[in-house]
Amino acid sequence: MNDNQKENLQTLIDKIKDIDIAMMTTVEDDGCLRSRPMRNQTVKEDGVIWFFTGYESGKSHELQNDSHVNLSYSKPDDNLYVSVSGKATLTKDKQKIDELWNPALKAWFPEGKDDPNIGLIKVTIDKAEYWDSPNSAVVHLIGVAKAAITGEQYKPGENKKINL
């Protein structure tokens, strides 16, 4: 990874690290897309995002058939929206489970870290895009007014595509 990619990845990490829930989209057997909320665990500097999952679940079977996923993050109060595309793999890596474990996860895994159905989804980021706009209504109003007066398109904030 070159320095520019590392900088872009760090920007992405900074934007999503405090967002608790991601919508994970997988491909069903019939080709339809399916999204579900997933609690964001951690984003690593190597471009990997981790999620706990029931190892024997619908999403696990979908990932075994097609590893492509999309993760959507939003923080509407800050006008921040992020889309991450990548490839997912399933693991029961005990060391990684121990590293990422949080006692609150017992709600999903009653037997704790030793629950027989506990697993992890490892998403390796391929691409991402984010939209980050100022959240002040006054800033938006000024931007819209300026666009109307000058005839230039209103650009409400930063939009960037990142390739890893």
Protein backbone atom coordinates (compact mmCIF):
# COMPACT_ATOMS: atom_id res chain seq x y z
CA MET A 1 0.00 0.00 0.00
CA ASN A 2 1.49 3.35 -1.00
CA ASP A 3 1.47 6.47 1.20
CA ASN A 4 -1.56 7.98 -0.57
CA GLN A 5 -3.57 4.78 -0.05
CA LYS A 6 -2.52 4.68 3.62
CA GLU A 7 -3.65 8.29 4.07
CA ASN A 8 -6.98 7.58 2.33
CA LEU A 9 -7.51 4.50 4.48
CA GLN A 10 -6.80 6.46 7.66
CA THR A 11 -9.34 9.10 6.57
CA LEU A 12 -11.90 6.34 6.00
CA ILE A 13 -11.15 4.77 9.40
CA ASP A 14 -11.53 8.14 11.11
CA LYS A 15 -14.94 8.62 9.46
CA ILE A 16 -16.45 5.23 10.40
CA LYS A 17 -14.74 4.31 13.68
CA ASP A 18 -17.45 5.94 15.83
CA ILE A 19 -20.42 4.63 13.83
CA ASP A 20 -21.83 1.65 15.75
CA ILE A 21 -23.91 -0.01 13.03
CA ALA A 22 -23.14 -0.84 9.42
CA MET A 23 -25.67 -2.22 6.97
CA MET A 24 -24.01 -5.27 5.38
CA THR A 25 -25.26 -6.24 1.93
CA THR A 26 -24.65 -9.77 0.67
CA VAL A 27 -25.73 -11.65 -2.46
CA GLU A 28 -28.38 -14.34 -1.96
CA ASP A 29 -28.31 -17.63 -3.90
CA ASP A 30 -30.80 -16.26 -6.44
CA GLY A 31 -28.69 -13.13 -7.08
CA CYS A 32 -30.87 -10.78 -5.02
CA LEU A 33 -29.17 -8.38 -2.65
CA ARG A 34 -29.91 -8.54 1.07
CA SER A 35 -28.91 -6.04 3.75
CA ARG A 36 -28.90 -6.37 7.49
CA PRO A 37 -27.55 -4.31 10.40
CA MET A 38 -24.23 -5.43 11.87
CA ARG A 39 -22.51 -4.03 14.95
CA ASN A 40 -19.23 -2.49 13.83
CA GLN A 41 -16.38 -4.07 15.83
CA THR A 42 -13.13 -2.63 14.61
CA VAL A 43 -11.42 -1.26 11.54
CA LYS A 44 -7.73 -2.05 11.24
CA GLU A 45 -4.99 -0.06 9.54
CA ASP A 46 -4.52 -2.99 7.15
CA GLY A 47 -7.89 -2.31 5.51
CA VAL A 48 -9.81 -5.03 7.37
CA ILE A 49 -13.15 -4.64 9.18
CA TRP A 50 -14.29 -7.31 11.65
CA PHE A 51 -17.82 -8.36 12.66
CA PHE A 52 -19.09 -11.10 14.97
CA THR A 53 -21.66 -13.42 13.45
CA GLY A 54 -23.51 -16.63 14.01
CA TYR A 55 -21.28 -19.04 12.10
CA GLU A 56 -24.31 -21.06 10.98
CA SER A 57 -26.46 -18.24 9.61
CA GLY A 58 -28.05 -17.13 6.36
CA LYS A 59 -25.39 -14.50 5.78
CA SER A 60 -22.63 -17.06 6.37
CA HIS A 61 -24.08 -19.31 3.66
CA GLU A 62 -24.45 -16.32 1.33
CA LEU A 63 -20.81 -15.34 1.89
CA GLN A 64 -19.63 -18.86 1.11
CA ASN A 65 -21.41 -18.62 -2.27
CA ASP A 66 -20.33 -15.05 -3.08
CA SER A 67 -17.81 -13.19 -0.93
CA HIS A 68 -18.63 -9.71 -2.29
CA VAL A 69 -20.16 -7.39 0.30
CA ASN A 70 -21.05 -3.76 0.68
CA LEU A 71 -21.06 -1.96 4.01
CA SER A 72 -23.11 1.22 4.34
CA TYR A 73 -22.49 3.62 7.20
CA SER A 74 -24.42 6.76 7.99
CA LYS A 75 -24.26 9.49 10.56
CA PRO A 76 -27.14 11.76 9.48
CA ASP A 77 -26.62 14.28 12.28
CA ASP A 78 -23.18 15.00 10.78
CA ASN A 79 -24.27 14.55 7.13
CA LEU A 80 -21.73 11.73 6.76
CA TYR A 81 -22.41 8.73 4.50
CA VAL A 82 -19.92 6.00 3.64
CA SER A 83 -20.06 3.02 1.29
CA VAL A 84 -17.41 0.29 1.52
CA SER A 85 -17.04 -2.55 -0.99
CA GLY A 86 -14.93 -5.57 -0.25
CA LYS A 87 -14.62 -9.31 0.08
CA ALA A 88 -15.70 -11.22 3.17
CA THR A 89 -14.43 -14.44 4.67
CA LEU A 90 -15.72 -16.44 7.63
CA THR A 91 -13.50 -17.64 10.43
CA LYS A 92 -13.69 -19.24 13.84
CA ASP A 93 -10.19 -17.99 14.74
CA LYS A 94 -10.17 -18.36 18.54
CA GLN A 95 -7.30 -15.88 18.99
CA LYS A 96 -9.13 -13.19 16.98
CA ILE A 97 -12.39 -13.90 18.83
CA ASP A 98 -10.55 -13.46 22.16
CA GLU A 99 -8.96 -10.22 20.91
CA LEU A 100 -12.25 -8.66 19.73
CA TRP A 101 -14.60 -10.06 22.39
CA ASN A 102 -16.85 -7.70 24.33
CA PRO A 103 -19.07 -8.96 27.20
CA ALA A 104 -22.11 -7.26 25.61
CA LEU A 105 -21.90 -9.89 22.86
CA LYS A 106 -23.31 -12.47 25.30
CA ALA A 107 -26.75 -11.24 24.21
CA TRP A 108 -26.11 -13.02 20.87
CA PHE A 109 -23.71 -15.69 22.11
CA PRO A 110 -25.01 -16.91 25.49
CA GLU A 111 -22.07 -19.25 26.03
CA GLY A 112 -19.62 -16.37 25.56
CA LYS A 113 -16.42 -16.74 23.57
CA ASP A 114 -16.85 -20.54 23.63
CA ASP A 115 -20.32 -20.49 22.06
CA PRO A 116 -20.27 -23.20 19.37
CA ASN A 117 -21.98 -20.88 16.87
CA ILE A 118 -19.64 -17.90 17.30
CA GLY A 119 -17.78 -16.75 14.25
CA LEU A 120 -16.22 -13.70 12.66
CA ILE A 121 -16.66 -12.04 9.31
CA LYS A 122 -13.46 -10.49 8.02
CA VAL A 123 -14.11 -7.83 5.36
CA THR A 124 -11.10 -6.76 3.32
CA ILE A 125 -11.77 -3.35 1.81
CA ASP A 126 -11.39 -3.03 -1.97
CA LYS A 127 -13.02 0.36 -2.52
CA ALA A 128 -14.86 2.99 -0.53
CA GLU A 129 -16.66 6.24 -1.17
CA TYR A 130 -17.80 8.85 1.29
CA TRP A 131 -19.91 11.98 1.31
CA ASP A 132 -19.16 14.38 4.13
CA SER A 133 -21.10 17.66 4.22
CA PRO A 134 -21.06 20.52 6.68
CA ASN A 135 -23.95 19.98 9.08
CA SER A 136 -24.81 23.60 9.59
CA ALA A 137 -28.10 24.68 7.99
CA VAL A 138 -26.60 28.17 7.59
CA VAL A 139 -23.66 26.77 5.59
CA HIS A 140 -26.09 24.85 3.35
CA LEU A 141 -28.30 27.90 2.89
CA ILE A 142 -25.31 30.07 1.91
CA GLY A 143 -24.14 27.37 -0.55
CA VAL A 144 -27.55 27.06 -2.18
CA ALA A 145 -27.90 30.85 -2.41
CA LYS A 146 -24.44 31.20 -3.95
CA ALA A 147 -25.25 28.49 -6.51
CA ALA A 148 -28.51 30.22 -7.42
CA ILE A 149 -26.78 33.58 -7.87
CA THR A 150 -23.69 32.35 -9.74
CA GLY A 151 -25.39 29.57 -11.72
CA GLU A 152 -22.71 27.12 -10.54
CA GLN A 153 -23.65 23.72 -9.21
CA TYR A 154 -24.00 23.51 -5.43
CA LYS A 155 -21.40 21.19 -3.93
CA PRO A 156 -22.44 20.64 -0.33
CA GLY A 157 -19.27 18.94 0.92
CA GLU A 158 -16.54 16.46 0.26
CA ASN A 159 -17.08 13.38 -1.89
CA LYS A 160 -14.17 11.05 -2.44
CA LYS A 161 -13.62 7.59 -3.90
CA ILE A 162 -10.85 5.44 -2.42
CA ASN A 163 -9.28 2.40 -4.06
CA LEU A 164 -7.18 0.06 -1.98
